[in-house]
Amino acid sequence: MNIEVKRLGTVDVITPHGPLVDEDAESLITTVQKRLATPNPRFVLDLTDVPYLDSRGVEGIVEAADDLRQRGGRLRLAAVGATCREILELTGQSRRVEYFDDAHTAVRSFL
């Protein structure tokens, strides 16, 4: 899996390319954990190119959301496709995150 990380101002935009399943979900989790280990982590997960996620992908999103919530923040997801959104809703996890239409809107939400 290719995971692109780019900086927009003071916010990292993490963009995985491909389904978040098995080892690919683990790669994303590792990338997110590195951001969470920094003081005052500010990042957006841009799911534009993620057509599907499995239980490990959901767990990774939930772990990141919980860690950010303990620090007084919320996990921001951008461009979540219908399938991924439905998976998060069916598993009862959609309330843990904030949804945005695109990464730029999600980045602006930090202002």
Protein backbone atom coordinates (compact mmCIF):
# COMPACT_ATOMS: atom_id res chain seq x y z
CA MET A 1 0.00 0.00 0.00
CA ASN A 2 1.17 3.48 -0.82
CA ILE A 3 0.52 6.01 1.96
CA GLU A 4 1.09 9.61 1.05
CA VAL A 5 1.70 12.16 3.80
CA LYS A 6 1.77 15.84 2.95
CA ARG A 7 1.79 18.92 5.12
CA LEU A 8 -0.83 21.64 4.67
CA GLY A 9 0.12 24.44 7.03
CA THR A 10 0.35 22.84 10.45
CA VAL A 11 -1.76 19.80 9.56
CA ASP A 12 -0.63 16.49 8.06
CA VAL A 13 -2.89 14.94 5.45
CA ILE A 14 -2.49 11.17 5.41
CA THR A 15 -3.78 9.60 2.19
CA PRO A 16 -3.74 5.81 1.88
CA HIS A 17 -4.23 4.37 -1.60
CA GLY A 18 -6.13 1.09 -1.72
CA PRO A 19 -8.34 -0.95 0.60
CA LEU A 20 -7.53 -0.87 4.32
CA VAL A 21 -7.29 -4.59 4.94
CA ASP A 22 -4.79 -6.84 6.74
CA GLU A 23 -1.18 -5.64 6.30
CA ASP A 24 -2.25 -2.46 4.52
CA ALA A 25 -4.38 -1.46 7.51
CA GLU A 26 -1.37 -2.17 9.74
CA SER A 27 0.78 0.15 7.58
CA LEU A 28 -1.74 2.94 8.00
CA ILE A 29 -1.99 2.32 11.75
CA THR A 30 1.80 2.59 12.05
CA THR A 31 1.76 5.89 10.14
CA VAL A 32 -1.04 7.27 12.33
CA GLN A 33 0.67 6.11 15.54
CA LYS A 34 3.78 8.08 14.57
CA ARG A 35 1.62 11.21 14.29
CA LEU A 36 -0.12 10.44 17.57
CA ALA A 37 3.27 10.17 19.32
CA THR A 38 4.00 13.85 18.61
CA PRO A 39 2.84 16.65 20.89
CA ASN A 40 -0.48 18.14 19.70
CA PRO A 41 -0.99 15.85 16.70
CA ARG A 42 -3.00 17.49 13.91
CA PHE A 43 -3.84 15.30 10.96
CA VAL A 44 -6.59 14.36 8.56
CA LEU A 45 -7.17 10.93 7.05
CA ASP A 46 -8.06 11.46 3.40
CA LEU A 47 -9.90 8.31 2.31
CA THR A 48 -10.46 9.39 -1.30
CA ASP A 49 -8.72 6.27 -2.66
CA VAL A 50 -9.95 3.78 -0.04
CA PRO A 51 -12.78 1.70 -1.52
CA TYR A 52 -13.16 -0.67 1.44
CA LEU A 53 -11.93 -1.36 4.97
CA ASP A 54 -12.03 -4.51 7.03
CA SER A 55 -12.24 -4.99 10.79
CA ARG A 56 -8.54 -4.12 11.24
CA GLY A 57 -9.04 -0.91 9.29
CA VAL A 58 -12.01 -0.03 11.50
CA GLU A 59 -9.99 -0.84 14.63
CA GLY A 60 -7.19 1.46 13.48
CA ILE A 61 -9.61 4.32 12.92
CA VAL A 62 -11.24 3.71 16.31
CA GLU A 63 -7.85 3.60 18.08
CA ALA A 64 -6.81 6.90 16.50
CA ALA A 65 -10.18 8.49 17.30
CA ASP A 66 -10.01 7.37 20.94
CA ASP A 67 -6.45 8.63 21.36
CA LEU A 68 -7.34 12.02 19.90
CA ARG A 69 -10.51 12.24 22.03
CA GLN A 70 -8.44 11.63 25.18
CA ARG A 71 -6.38 14.65 24.14
CA GLY A 72 -9.46 16.78 23.57
CA GLY A 73 -9.58 16.38 19.77
CA ARG A 74 -11.53 14.47 17.15
CA LEU A 75 -10.40 12.37 14.24
CA ARG A 76 -11.16 14.05 10.92
CA LEU A 77 -11.92 11.87 7.90
CA ALA A 78 -12.08 13.41 4.43
CA ALA A 79 -13.73 12.14 1.26
CA VAL A 80 -15.09 8.95 2.79
CA GLY A 81 -16.77 6.80 0.16
CA ALA A 82 -20.23 5.33 0.61
CA THR A 83 -18.96 1.81 1.35
CA CYS A 84 -16.48 2.91 4.02
CA ARG A 85 -19.02 5.23 5.62
CA GLU A 86 -21.57 2.42 5.69
CA ILE A 87 -19.05 0.07 7.33
CA LEU A 88 -18.32 2.67 10.02
CA GLU A 89 -22.05 3.25 10.57
CA LEU A 90 -22.92 -0.46 10.70
CA THR A 91 -20.17 -1.09 13.25
CA GLY A 92 -21.37 1.85 15.35
CA GLN A 93 -18.12 3.76 14.96
CA SER A 94 -19.24 6.69 12.81
CA ARG A 95 -20.00 8.86 15.84
CA ARG A 96 -16.32 8.76 16.87
CA VAL A 97 -15.14 10.77 13.86
CA GLU A 98 -15.91 13.95 11.95
CA TYR A 99 -16.62 13.69 8.24
CA PHE A 100 -15.58 16.29 5.65
CA ASP A 101 -16.15 16.42 1.91
CA ASP A 102 -12.46 16.94 1.13
CA ALA A 103 -9.07 17.26 2.82
CA HIS A 104 -8.88 21.05 2.44
CA THR A 105 -12.17 21.52 4.29
CA ALA A 106 -10.98 19.17 7.02
CA VAL A 107 -7.68 21.06 7.35
CA ARG A 108 -9.55 24.38 7.62
CA SER A 109 -11.59 22.94 10.49
CA PHE A 110 -8.48 23.20 12.68
CA LEU A 111 -8.60 27.02 12.46
